[in-house]
Amino acid sequence: MSRETAAGGSATEASKIILNDKERKFETEDKKAYLEYVLRNGGKVMDIVHTFVPSSKRGQGLASILCVSALNHAQEHSLSVIPSCSYVSDTFLQRNPQWSSLVYTGEPKSHM
């Protein structure tokens, strides 16, 4: 089951991000760029474990768009987020502190 997620506010506004529930990913339509997550604590916490953008698509803001899609989804479904992915914790959240309220504080970052 997949669902389209809004992803605007960048030069790649036309990029559609799809929620792939089965594979636990937010991905571009061509499936080449994606953000992977694991649900924890009975489905109440989204652990973002990996973000990938191939070199051919870098520099377009896709990693940020993937993060916004995932965090919007988390917010809409009252989920907390564990930013295990270093891009999310070290880059995206540092540049976008408005999302920090979603960060789960009940346990340390997972190590995969």
PDB file of N, CA and C in Angstrom:
ATOM      1  N   MET A   1       0.846  -1.175   0.000  1.00  0.00           N
ATOM      2  CA  MET A   1       0.000   0.000   0.000  1.00  0.00           C
ATOM      3  C   MET A   1       0.887   1.232   0.000  1.00  0.00           C
ATOM      4  N   SER A   2       0.694   2.118  -0.935  1.00  0.00           N
ATOM      5  CA  SER A   2       1.473   3.339  -0.934  1.00  0.00           C
ATOM      6  C   SER A   2       0.571   4.549  -0.975  1.00  0.00           C
ATOM      7  N   ARG A   3       1.133   5.652  -0.540  1.00  0.00           N
ATOM      8  CA  ARG A   3       0.386   6.887  -0.469  1.00  0.00           C
ATOM      9  C   ARG A   3       1.305   8.012  -0.878  1.00  0.00           C
ATOM     10  N   GLU A   4       0.789   8.945  -1.647  1.00  0.00           N
ATOM     11  CA  GLU A   4       1.596  10.087  -2.034  1.00  0.00           C
ATOM     12  C   GLU A   4       1.651  11.078  -0.887  1.00  0.00           C
ATOM     13  N   THR A   5       2.799  11.686  -0.735  1.00  0.00           N
ATOM     14  CA  THR A   5       3.009  12.656   0.322  1.00  0.00           C
ATOM     15  C   THR A   5       3.446  13.966  -0.302  1.00  0.00           C
ATOM     16  N   ALA A   6       2.911  15.050   0.170  1.00  0.00           N
ATOM     17  CA  ALA A   6       3.283  16.360  -0.360  1.00  0.00           C
ATOM     18  C   ALA A   6       4.743  16.642  -0.054  1.00  0.00           C
ATOM     19  N   ALA A   7       5.437  17.188  -1.021  1.00  0.00           N
ATOM     20  CA  ALA A   7       6.844  17.522  -0.830  1.00  0.00           C
ATOM     21  C   ALA A   7       7.153  18.792  -1.610  1.00  0.00           C
ATOM     22  N   GLY A   8       6.893  19.913  -1.022  1.00  0.00           N
ATOM     23  CA  GLY A   8       7.108  21.164  -1.735  1.00  0.00           C
ATOM     24  C   GLY A   8       8.216  21.983  -1.111  1.00  0.00           C
ATOM     25  N   GLY A   9       8.349  23.212  -1.589  1.00  0.00           N
ATOM     26  CA  GLY A   9       9.275  24.139  -1.002  1.00  0.00           C
ATOM     27  C   GLY A   9      10.702  24.021  -1.484  1.00  0.00           C
ATOM     28  N   SER A  10      10.933  23.507  -2.680  1.00  0.00           N
ATOM     29  CA  SER A  10      12.297  23.400  -3.179  1.00  0.00           C
ATOM     30  C   SER A  10      12.295  23.443  -4.692  1.00  0.00           C
ATOM     31  N   ALA A  11      13.478  23.421  -5.263  1.00  0.00           N
ATOM     32  CA  ALA A  11      13.598  23.448  -6.727  1.00  0.00           C
ATOM     33  C   ALA A  11      12.985  22.197  -7.343  1.00  0.00           C
ATOM     34  N   THR A  12      12.837  21.154  -6.543  1.00  0.00           N
ATOM     35  CA  THR A  12      12.271  19.906  -7.063  1.00  0.00           C
ATOM     36  C   THR A  12      10.827  19.739  -6.600  1.00  0.00           C
ATOM     37  N   GLU A  13      10.082  20.831  -6.586  1.00  0.00           N
ATOM     38  CA  GLU A  13       8.704  20.780  -6.105  1.00  0.00           C
ATOM     39  C   GLU A  13       7.879  19.723  -6.822  1.00  0.00           C
ATOM     40  N   ALA A  14       8.219  19.427  -8.067  1.00  0.00           N
ATOM     41  CA  ALA A  14       7.459  18.447  -8.821  1.00  0.00           C
ATOM     42  C   ALA A  14       7.737  17.024  -8.335  1.00  0.00           C
ATOM     43  N   SER A  15       8.800  16.845  -7.549  1.00  0.00           N
ATOM     44  CA  SER A  15       9.131  15.513  -7.042  1.00  0.00           C
ATOM     45  C   SER A  15       8.028  15.027  -6.117  1.00  0.00           C
ATOM     46  N   LYS A  16       7.515  13.858  -6.429  1.00  0.00           N
ATOM     47  CA  LYS A  16       6.516  13.260  -5.550  1.00  0.00           C
ATOM     48  C   LYS A  16       7.205  12.217  -4.694  1.00  0.00           C
ATOM     49  N   ILE A  17       6.901  12.261  -3.402  1.00  0.00           N
ATOM     50  CA  ILE A  17       7.442  11.286  -2.479  1.00  0.00           C
ATOM     51  C   ILE A  17       6.310  10.328  -2.144  1.00  0.00           C
ATOM     52  N   ILE A  18       6.583   9.060  -2.272  1.00  0.00           N
ATOM     53  CA  ILE A  18       5.591   8.012  -2.029  1.00  0.00           C
ATOM     54  C   ILE A  18       5.918   7.313  -0.713  1.00  0.00           C
ATOM     55  N   LEU A  19       4.907   7.085   0.098  1.00  0.00           N
ATOM     56  CA  LEU A  19       5.070   6.286   1.307  1.00  0.00           C
ATOM     57  C   LEU A  19       4.872   4.830   0.917  1.00  0.00           C
ATOM     58  N   ASN A  20       5.917   4.041   1.058  1.00  0.00           N
ATOM     59  CA  ASN A  20       5.863   2.609   0.775  1.00  0.00           C
ATOM     60  C   ASN A  20       5.783   1.903   2.125  1.00  0.00           C
ATOM     61  N   ASP A  21       4.551   1.685   2.613  1.00  0.00           N
ATOM     62  CA  ASP A  21       4.333   1.055   3.924  1.00  0.00           C
ATOM     63  C   ASP A  21       4.984  -0.318   4.010  1.00  0.00           C
ATOM     64  N   LYS A  22       4.856  -1.099   2.954  1.00  0.00           N
ATOM     65  CA  LYS A  22       5.344  -2.483   2.971  1.00  0.00           C
ATOM     66  C   LYS A  22       6.839  -2.552   3.233  1.00  0.00           C
ATOM     67  N   GLU A  23       7.602  -1.677   2.571  1.00  0.00           N
ATOM     68  CA  GLU A  23       9.056  -1.681   2.734  1.00  0.00           C
ATOM     69  C   GLU A  23       9.537  -0.667   3.758  1.00  0.00           C
ATOM     70  N   ARG A  24       8.600   0.045   4.403  1.00  0.00           N
ATOM     71  CA  ARG A  24       8.925   1.060   5.409  1.00  0.00           C
ATOM     72  C   ARG A  24       9.894   2.099   4.844  1.00  0.00           C
ATOM     73  N   LYS A  25       9.464   2.704   3.737  1.00  0.00           N
ATOM     74  CA  LYS A  25      10.282   3.724   3.072  1.00  0.00           C
ATOM     75  C   LYS A  25       9.419   4.877   2.592  1.00  0.00           C
ATOM     76  N   PHE A  26      10.035   6.031   2.552  1.00  0.00           N
ATOM     77  CA  PHE A  26       9.511   7.159   1.790  1.00  0.00           C
ATOM     78  C   PHE A  26      10.454   7.207   0.606  1.00  0.00           C
ATOM     79  N   GLU A  27       9.920   7.252  -0.620  1.00  0.00           N
ATOM     80  CA  GLU A  27      10.786   7.175  -1.789  1.00  0.00           C
ATOM     81  C   GLU A  27      10.283   8.042  -2.927  1.00  0.00           C
ATOM     82  N   THR A  28      11.207   8.374  -3.829  1.00  0.00           N
ATOM     83  CA  THR A  28      10.828   9.101  -5.029  1.00  0.00           C
ATOM     84  C   THR A  28      10.088   8.121  -5.932  1.00  0.00           C
ATOM     85  N   GLU A  29       9.358   8.652  -6.900  1.00  0.00           N
ATOM     86  CA  GLU A  29       8.578   7.787  -7.798  1.00  0.00           C
ATOM     87  C   GLU A  29       9.435   6.747  -8.501  1.00  0.00           C
ATOM     88  N   ASP A  30      10.674   7.112  -8.827  1.00  0.00           N
ATOM     89  CA  ASP A  30      11.552   6.149  -9.506  1.00  0.00           C
ATOM     90  C   ASP A  30      12.257   5.213  -8.521  1.00  0.00           C
ATOM     91  N   LYS A  31      11.992   5.373  -7.242  1.00  0.00           N
ATOM     92  CA  LYS A  31      12.523   4.547  -6.155  1.00  0.00           C
ATOM     93  C   LYS A  31      14.039   4.640  -5.983  1.00  0.00           C
ATOM     94  N   LYS A  32      14.664   5.629  -6.596  1.00  0.00           N
ATOM     95  CA  LYS A  32      16.122   5.734  -6.513  1.00  0.00           C
ATOM     96  C   LYS A  32      16.597   6.485  -5.265  1.00  0.00           C
ATOM     97  N   ALA A  33      15.804   7.412  -4.777  1.00  0.00           N
ATOM     98  CA  ALA A  33      16.132   8.130  -3.547  1.00  0.00           C
ATOM     99  C   ALA A  33      15.088   7.723  -2.513  1.00  0.00           C
ATOM    100  N   TYR A  34      15.552   7.481  -1.277  1.00  0.00           N
ATOM    101  CA  TYR A  34      14.603   6.997  -0.271  1.00  0.00           C
ATOM    102  C   TYR A  34      15.078   7.278   1.145  1.00  0.00           C
ATOM    103  N   LEU A  35      14.143   7.176   2.063  1.00  0.00           N
ATOM    104  CA  LEU A  35      14.395   7.280   3.492  1.00  0.00           C
ATOM    105  C   LEU A  35      13.768   6.035   4.107  1.00  0.00           C
ATOM    106  N   GLU A  36      14.559   5.274   4.857  1.00  0.00           N
ATOM    107  CA  GLU A  36      14.063   4.047   5.487  1.00  0.00           C
ATOM    108  C   GLU A  36      13.807   4.281   6.971  1.00  0.00           C
ATOM    109  N   TYR A  37      12.782   3.610   7.480  1.00  0.00           N
ATOM    110  CA  TYR A  37      12.461   3.738   8.898  1.00  0.00           C
ATOM    111  C   TYR A  37      12.031   2.399   9.472  1.00  0.00           C
ATOM    112  N   VAL A  38      12.075   2.318  10.801  1.00  0.00           N
ATOM    113  CA  VAL A  38      11.619   1.157  11.550  1.00  0.00           C
ATOM    114  C   VAL A  38      10.639   1.691  12.585  1.00  0.00           C
ATOM    115  N   LEU A  39       9.504   1.016  12.745  1.00  0.00           N
ATOM    116  CA  LEU A  39       8.560   1.427  13.788  1.00  0.00           C
ATOM    117  C   LEU A  39       8.929   0.707  15.082  1.00  0.00           C
ATOM    118  N   ARG A  40       8.972   1.441  16.164  1.00  0.00           N
ATOM    119  CA  ARG A  40       9.325   0.896  17.475  1.00  0.00           C
ATOM    120  C   ARG A  40       8.230   1.234  18.487  1.00  0.00           C
ATOM    121  N   ASN A  41       8.349   0.669  19.667  1.00  0.00           N
ATOM    122  CA  ASN A  41       7.407   0.941  20.764  1.00  0.00           C
ATOM    123  C   ASN A  41       5.959   0.758  20.336  1.00  0.00           C
ATOM    124  N   GLY A  42       5.667  -0.398  19.740  1.00  0.00           N
ATOM    125  CA  GLY A  42       4.297  -0.687  19.340  1.00  0.00           C
ATOM    126  C   GLY A  42       3.786   0.211  18.231  1.00  0.00           C
ATOM    127  N   GLY A  43       4.678   0.723  17.389  1.00  0.00           N
ATOM    128  CA  GLY A  43       4.268   1.571  16.278  1.00  0.00           C
ATOM    129  C   GLY A  43       4.104   3.033  16.632  1.00  0.00           C
ATOM    130  N   LYS A  44       4.547   3.430  17.825  1.00  0.00           N
ATOM    131  CA  LYS A  44       4.390   4.820  18.251  1.00  0.00           C
ATOM    132  C   LYS A  44       5.614   5.685  17.984  1.00  0.00           C
ATOM    133  N   VAL A  45       6.721   5.028  17.619  1.00  0.00           N
ATOM    134  CA  VAL A  45       7.967   5.745  17.388  1.00  0.00           C
ATOM    135  C   VAL A  45       8.528   5.347  16.026  1.00  0.00           C
ATOM    136  N   MET A  46       8.853   6.350  15.194  1.00  0.00           N
ATOM    137  CA  MET A  46       9.459   6.121  13.880  1.00  0.00           C
ATOM    138  C   MET A  46      10.968   6.338  14.021  1.00  0.00           C
ATOM    139  N   ASP A  47      11.723   5.277  13.867  1.00  0.00           N
ATOM    140  CA  ASP A  47      13.179   5.355  13.916  1.00  0.00           C
ATOM    141  C   ASP A  47      13.672   5.501  12.476  1.00  0.00           C
ATOM    142  N   ILE A  48      14.150   6.679  12.118  1.00  0.00           N
ATOM    143  CA  ILE A  48      14.652   6.922  10.764  1.00  0.00           C
ATOM    144  C   ILE A  48      16.088   6.419  10.728  1.00  0.00           C
ATOM    145  N   VAL A  49      16.302   5.320  10.013  1.00  0.00           N
ATOM    146  CA  VAL A  49      17.586   4.632  10.054  1.00  0.00           C
ATOM    147  C   VAL A  49      18.507   4.925   8.875  1.00  0.00           C
ATOM    148  N   HIS A  50      17.967   5.390   7.743  1.00  0.00           N
ATOM    149  CA  HIS A  50      18.832   5.593   6.581  1.00  0.00           C
ATOM    150  C   HIS A  50      18.163   6.512   5.565  1.00  0.00           C
ATOM    151  N   THR A  51      18.957   7.406   5.006  1.00  0.00           N
ATOM    152  CA  THR A  51      18.505   8.261   3.909  1.00  0.00           C
ATOM    153  C   THR A  51      19.504   8.077   2.780  1.00  0.00           C
ATOM    154  N   PHE A  52      19.010   7.857   1.566  1.00  0.00           N
ATOM    155  CA  PHE A  52      19.900   7.643   0.424  1.00  0.00           C
ATOM    156  C   PHE A  52      19.434   8.444  -0.775  1.00  0.00           C
ATOM    157  N   VAL A  53      20.366   9.167  -1.379  1.00  0.00           N
ATOM    158  CA  VAL A  53      20.121   9.884  -2.632  1.00  0.00           C
ATOM    159  C   VAL A  53      21.299   9.527  -3.544  1.00  0.00           C
ATOM    160  N   PRO A  54      21.032   8.933  -4.717  1.00  0.00           N
ATOM    161  CA  PRO A  54      22.137   8.572  -5.612  1.00  0.00           C
ATOM    162  C   PRO A  54      22.862   9.820  -6.118  1.00  0.00           C
ATOM    163  N   SER A  55      24.119   9.647  -6.480  1.00  0.00           N
ATOM    164  CA  SER A  55      24.921  10.799  -6.913  1.00  0.00           C
ATOM    165  C   SER A  55      24.280  11.551  -8.075  1.00  0.00           C
ATOM    166  N   SER A  56      23.555  10.839  -8.927  1.00  0.00           N
ATOM    167  CA  SER A  56      22.911  11.490 -10.074  1.00  0.00           C
ATOM    168  C   SER A  56      21.787  12.441  -9.669  1.00  0.00           C
ATOM    169  N   LYS A  57      21.296  12.333  -8.437  1.00  0.00           N
ATOM    170  CA  LYS A  57      20.191  13.170  -7.981  1.00  0.00           C
ATOM    171  C   LYS A  57      20.591  14.126  -6.863  1.00  0.00           C
ATOM    172  N   ARG A  58      21.859  14.139  -6.480  1.00  0.00           N
ATOM    173  CA  ARG A  58      22.301  14.993  -5.375  1.00  0.00           C
ATOM    174  C   ARG A  58      22.294  16.463  -5.775  1.00  0.00           C
ATOM    175  N   GLY A  59      22.188  17.318  -4.777  1.00  0.00           N
ATOM    176  CA  GLY A  59      22.198  18.753  -5.020  1.00  0.00           C
ATOM    177  C   GLY A  59      20.824  19.319  -5.355  1.00  0.00           C
ATOM    178  N   GLN A  60      19.792  18.493  -5.294  1.00  0.00           N
ATOM    179  CA  GLN A  60      18.429  18.932  -5.608  1.00  0.00           C
ATOM    180  C   GLN A  60      17.565  19.098  -4.355  1.00  0.00           C
ATOM    181  N   GLY A  61      18.134  18.828  -3.194  1.00  0.00           N
ATOM    182  CA  GLY A  61      17.365  18.938  -1.961  1.00  0.00           C
ATOM    183  C   GLY A  61      16.482  17.741  -1.670  1.00  0.00           C
ATOM    184  N   LEU A  62      16.730  16.614  -2.343  1.00  0.00           N
ATOM    185  CA  LEU A  62      15.857  15.447  -2.158  1.00  0.00           C
ATOM    186  C   LEU A  62      15.934  14.857  -0.753  1.00  0.00           C
ATOM    187  N   ALA A  63      17.105  14.834  -0.152  1.00  0.00           N
ATOM    188  CA  ALA A  63      17.213  14.284   1.205  1.00  0.00           C
ATOM    189  C   ALA A  63      16.335  15.087   2.164  1.00  0.00           C
ATOM    190  N   SER A  64      16.363  16.397   2.013  1.00  0.00           N
ATOM    191  CA  SER A  64      15.537  17.262   2.846  1.00  0.00           C
ATOM    192  C   SER A  64      14.050  17.029   2.584  1.00  0.00           C
ATOM    193  N   ILE A  65      13.680  16.885   1.327  1.00  0.00           N
ATOM    194  CA  ILE A  65      12.277  16.634   0.970  1.00  0.00           C
ATOM    195  C   ILE A  65      11.810  15.303   1.562  1.00  0.00           C
ATOM    196  N   LEU A  66      12.666  14.285   1.506  1.00  0.00           N
ATOM    197  CA  LEU A  66      12.334  12.994   2.102  1.00  0.00           C
ATOM    198  C   LEU A  66      12.120  13.134   3.605  1.00  0.00           C
ATOM    199  N   CYS A  67      12.993  13.895   4.254  1.00  0.00           N
ATOM    200  CA  CYS A  67      12.856  14.117   5.700  1.00  0.00           C
ATOM    201  C   CYS A  67      11.558  14.836   6.037  1.00  0.00           C
ATOM    202  N   VAL A  68      11.245  15.880   5.300  1.00  0.00           N
ATOM    203  CA  VAL A  68      10.013  16.631   5.555  1.00  0.00           C
ATOM    204  C   VAL A  68       8.800  15.711   5.379  1.00  0.00           C
ATOM    205  N   SER A  69       8.821  14.880   4.355  1.00  0.00           N
ATOM    206  CA  SER A  69       7.702  13.946   4.137  1.00  0.00           C
ATOM    207  C   SER A  69       7.559  12.995   5.317  1.00  0.00           C
ATOM    208  N   ALA A  70       8.677  12.438   5.779  1.00  0.00           N
ATOM    209  CA  ALA A  70       8.641  11.502   6.907  1.00  0.00           C
ATOM    210  C   ALA A  70       8.184  12.198   8.185  1.00  0.00           C
ATOM    211  N   LEU A  71       8.701  13.392   8.431  1.00  0.00           N
ATOM    212  CA  LEU A  71       8.337  14.106   9.657  1.00  0.00           C
ATOM    213  C   LEU A  71       6.893  14.601   9.617  1.00  0.00           C
ATOM    214  N   ASN A  72       6.423  15.019   8.457  1.00  0.00           N
ATOM    215  CA  ASN A  72       5.002  15.370   8.336  1.00  0.00           C
ATOM    216  C   ASN A  72       4.129  14.160   8.647  1.00  0.00           C
ATOM    217  N   HIS A  73       4.510  13.004   8.121  1.00  0.00           N
ATOM    218  CA  HIS A  73       3.768  11.766   8.374  1.00  0.00           C
ATOM    219  C   HIS A  73       3.772  11.464   9.879  1.00  0.00           C
ATOM    220  N   ALA A  74       4.936  11.579  10.500  1.00  0.00           N
ATOM    221  CA  ALA A  74       5.038  11.320  11.941  1.00  0.00           C
ATOM    222  C   ALA A  74       4.132  12.271  12.722  1.00  0.00           C
ATOM    223  N   GLN A  75       4.168  13.540  12.356  1.00  0.00           N
ATOM    224  CA  GLN A  75       3.347  14.544  13.045  1.00  0.00           C
ATOM    225  C   GLN A  75       1.858  14.249  12.869  1.00  0.00           C
ATOM    226  N   GLU A  76       1.456  13.931  11.645  1.00  0.00           N
ATOM    227  CA  GLU A  76       0.044  13.649  11.359  1.00  0.00           C
ATOM    228  C   GLU A  76      -0.468  12.411  12.091  1.00  0.00           C
ATOM    229  N   HIS A  77       0.441  11.476  12.412  1.00  0.00           N
ATOM    230  CA  HIS A  77       0.045  10.230  13.061  1.00  0.00           C
ATOM    231  C   HIS A  77       0.495  10.169  14.525  1.00  0.00           C
ATOM    232  N   SER A  78       0.842  11.318  15.096  1.00  0.00           N
ATOM    233  CA  SER A  78       1.254  11.435  16.499  1.00  0.00           C
ATOM    234  C   SER A  78       2.382  10.479  16.866  1.00  0.00           C
ATOM    235  N   LEU A  79       3.366  10.389  15.981  1.00  0.00           N
ATOM    236  CA  LEU A  79       4.532   9.541  16.235  1.00  0.00           C
ATOM    237  C   LEU A  79       5.705  10.403  16.683  1.00  0.00           C
ATOM    238  N   SER A  80       6.528   9.855  17.563  1.00  0.00           N
ATOM    239  CA  SER A  80       7.804  10.480  17.886  1.00  0.00           C
ATOM    240  C   SER A  80       8.817   9.931  16.894  1.00  0.00           C
ATOM    241  N   VAL A  81       9.967  10.590  16.793  1.00  0.00           N
ATOM    242  CA  VAL A  81      10.981  10.201  15.818  1.00  0.00           C
ATOM    243  C   VAL A  81      12.328  10.007  16.503  1.00  0.00           C
ATOM    244  N   ILE A  82      13.005   8.915  16.161  1.00  0.00           N
ATOM    245  CA  ILE A  82      14.390   8.701  16.569  1.00  0.00           C
ATOM    246  C   ILE A  82      15.235   8.956  15.319  1.00  0.00           C
ATOM    247  N   PRO A  83      16.087   9.972  15.330  1.00  0.00           N
ATOM    248  CA  PRO A  83      16.898  10.275  14.147  1.00  0.00           C
ATOM    249  C   PRO A  83      18.196   9.468  14.131  1.00  0.00           C
ATOM    250  N   SER A  84      18.120   8.156  13.935  1.00  0.00           N
ATOM    251  CA  SER A  84      19.320   7.320  13.909  1.00  0.00           C
ATOM    252  C   SER A  84      20.201   7.610  12.697  1.00  0.00           C
ATOM    253  N   CYS A  85      19.589   8.005  11.604  1.00  0.00           N
ATOM    254  CA  CYS A  85      20.341   8.358  10.395  1.00  0.00           C
ATOM    255  C   CYS A  85      21.150   9.631  10.676  1.00  0.00           C
ATOM    256  N   SER A  86      22.451   9.588  10.383  1.00  0.00           N
ATOM    257  CA  SER A  86      23.305  10.743  10.676  1.00  0.00           C
ATOM    258  C   SER A  86      22.904  11.981   9.879  1.00  0.00           C
ATOM    259  N   TYR A  87      22.381  11.812   8.668  1.00  0.00           N
ATOM    260  CA  TYR A  87      21.932  12.985   7.913  1.00  0.00           C
ATOM    261  C   TYR A  87      20.794  13.686   8.667  1.00  0.00           C
ATOM    262  N   VAL A  88      19.856  12.906   9.177  1.00  0.00           N
ATOM    263  CA  VAL A  88      18.710  13.494   9.879  1.00  0.00           C
ATOM    264  C   VAL A  88      19.165  14.172  11.172  1.00  0.00           C
ATOM    265  N   SER A  89      19.969  13.470  11.976  1.00  0.00           N
ATOM    266  CA  SER A  89      20.366  14.026  13.269  1.00  0.00           C
ATOM    267  C   SER A  89      21.387  15.155  13.156  1.00  0.00           C
ATOM    268  N   ASP A  90      22.384  14.994  12.274  1.00  0.00           N
ATOM    269  CA  ASP A  90      23.486  15.946  12.223  1.00  0.00           C
ATOM    270  C   ASP A  90      23.295  17.090  11.237  1.00  0.00           C
ATOM    271  N   THR A  91      22.464  16.894  10.241  1.00  0.00           N
ATOM    272  CA  THR A  91      22.292  17.928   9.219  1.00  0.00           C
ATOM    273  C   THR A  91      20.872  18.480   9.200  1.00  0.00           C
ATOM    274  N   PHE A  92      19.892  17.629   8.906  1.00  0.00           N
ATOM    275  CA  PHE A  92      18.522  18.121   8.728  1.00  0.00           C
ATOM    276  C   PHE A  92      17.981  18.792   9.988  1.00  0.00           C
ATOM    277  N   LEU A  93      18.045  18.118  11.136  1.00  0.00           N
ATOM    278  CA  LEU A  93      17.486  18.706  12.351  1.00  0.00           C
ATOM    279  C   LEU A  93      18.273  19.929  12.819  1.00  0.00           C
ATOM    280  N   GLN A  94      19.571  19.971  12.538  1.00  0.00           N
ATOM    281  CA  GLN A  94      20.372  21.151  12.891  1.00  0.00           C
ATOM    282  C   GLN A  94      19.919  22.358  12.069  1.00  0.00           C
ATOM    283  N   ARG A  95      19.580  22.121  10.805  1.00  0.00           N
ATOM    284  CA  ARG A  95      19.148  23.208   9.913  1.00  0.00           C
ATOM    285  C   ARG A  95      17.666  23.542  10.066  1.00  0.00           C
ATOM    286  N   ASN A  96      16.899  22.615  10.637  1.00  0.00           N
ATOM    287  CA  ASN A  96      15.442  22.768  10.748  1.00  0.00           C
ATOM    288  C   ASN A  96      14.980  22.462  12.171  1.00  0.00           C
ATOM    289  N   PRO A  97      15.377  23.289  13.138  1.00  0.00           N
ATOM    290  CA  PRO A  97      15.070  23.004  14.543  1.00  0.00           C
ATOM    291  C   PRO A  97      13.579  22.981  14.870  1.00  0.00           C
ATOM    292  N   GLN A  98      12.746  23.486  13.952  1.00  0.00           N
ATOM    293  CA  GLN A  98      11.299  23.470  14.205  1.00  0.00           C
ATOM    294  C   GLN A  98      10.755  22.033  14.314  1.00  0.00           C
ATOM    295  N   TRP A  99      11.504  21.044  13.819  1.00  0.00           N
ATOM    296  CA  TRP A  99      11.056  19.648  13.887  1.00  0.00           C
ATOM    297  C   TRP A  99      11.528  18.952  15.170  1.00  0.00           C
ATOM    298  N   SER A 100      12.348  19.602  15.957  1.00  0.00           N
ATOM    299  CA  SER A 100      12.936  18.978  17.143  1.00  0.00           C
ATOM    300  C   SER A 100      11.906  18.490  18.159  1.00  0.00           C
ATOM    301  N   SER A 101      10.732  19.098  18.159  1.00  0.00           N
ATOM    302  CA  SER A 101       9.703  18.676  19.120  1.00  0.00           C
ATOM    303  C   SER A 101       9.231  17.252  18.871  1.00  0.00           C
ATOM    304  N   LEU A 102       9.476  16.716  17.668  1.00  0.00           N
ATOM    305  CA  LEU A 102       9.068  15.338  17.363  1.00  0.00           C
ATOM    306  C   LEU A 102      10.083  14.299  17.837  1.00  0.00           C
ATOM    307  N   VAL A 103      11.288  14.742  18.200  1.00  0.00           N
ATOM    308  CA  VAL A 103      12.343  13.790  18.563  1.00  0.00           C
ATOM    309  C   VAL A 103      12.004  13.078  19.858  1.00  0.00           C
ATOM    310  N   TYR A 104      12.089  11.761  19.804  1.00  0.00           N
ATOM    311  CA  TYR A 104      11.799  10.887  20.942  1.00  0.00           C
ATOM    312  C   TYR A 104      12.910  11.007  21.969  1.00  0.00           C
ATOM    313  N   THR A 105      12.541  11.179  23.231  1.00  0.00           N
ATOM    314  CA  THR A 105      13.530  11.345  24.277  1.00  0.00           C
ATOM    315  C   THR A 105      13.538  10.207  25.285  1.00  0.00           C
ATOM    316  N   GLY A 106      12.773   9.154  25.046  1.00  0.00           N
ATOM    317  CA  GLY A 106      12.650   8.064  26.008  1.00  0.00           C
ATOM    318  C   GLY A 106      13.774   7.054  26.030  1.00  0.00           C
ATOM    319  N   GLU A 107      14.610   7.018  24.996  1.00  0.00           N
ATOM    320  CA  GLU A 107      15.727   6.071  24.968  1.00  0.00           C
ATOM    321  C   GLU A 107      16.810   6.611  24.054  1.00  0.00           C
ATOM    322  N   PRO A 108      18.027   6.117  24.212  1.00  0.00           N
ATOM    323  CA  PRO A 108      19.095   6.618  23.335  1.00  0.00           C
ATOM    324  C   PRO A 108      18.889   6.218  21.881  1.00  0.00           C
ATOM    325  N   LYS A 109      19.584   6.902  21.007  1.00  0.00           N
ATOM    326  CA  LYS A 109      19.566   6.633  19.588  1.00  0.00           C
ATOM    327  C   LYS A 109      19.899   5.155  19.336  1.00  0.00           C
ATOM    328  N   SER A 110      19.197   4.527  18.411  1.00  0.00           N
ATOM    329  CA  SER A 110      19.491   3.124  18.106  1.00  0.00           C
ATOM    330  C   SER A 110      20.795   3.034  17.332  1.00  0.00           C
ATOM    331  N   HIS A 111      21.457   1.928  17.434  1.00  0.00           N
ATOM    332  CA  HIS A 111      22.706   1.712  16.701  1.00  0.00           C
ATOM    333  C   HIS A 111      22.538   0.509  15.818  1.00  0.00           C
ATOM    334  N   MET A 112      22.515   0.735  14.496  1.00  0.00           N
ATOM    335  CA  MET A 112      22.285  -0.356  13.562  1.00  0.00           C
ATOM    336  C   MET A 112      23.572  -0.696  12.870  1.00  0.00           C
TER     337      MET A 112
END
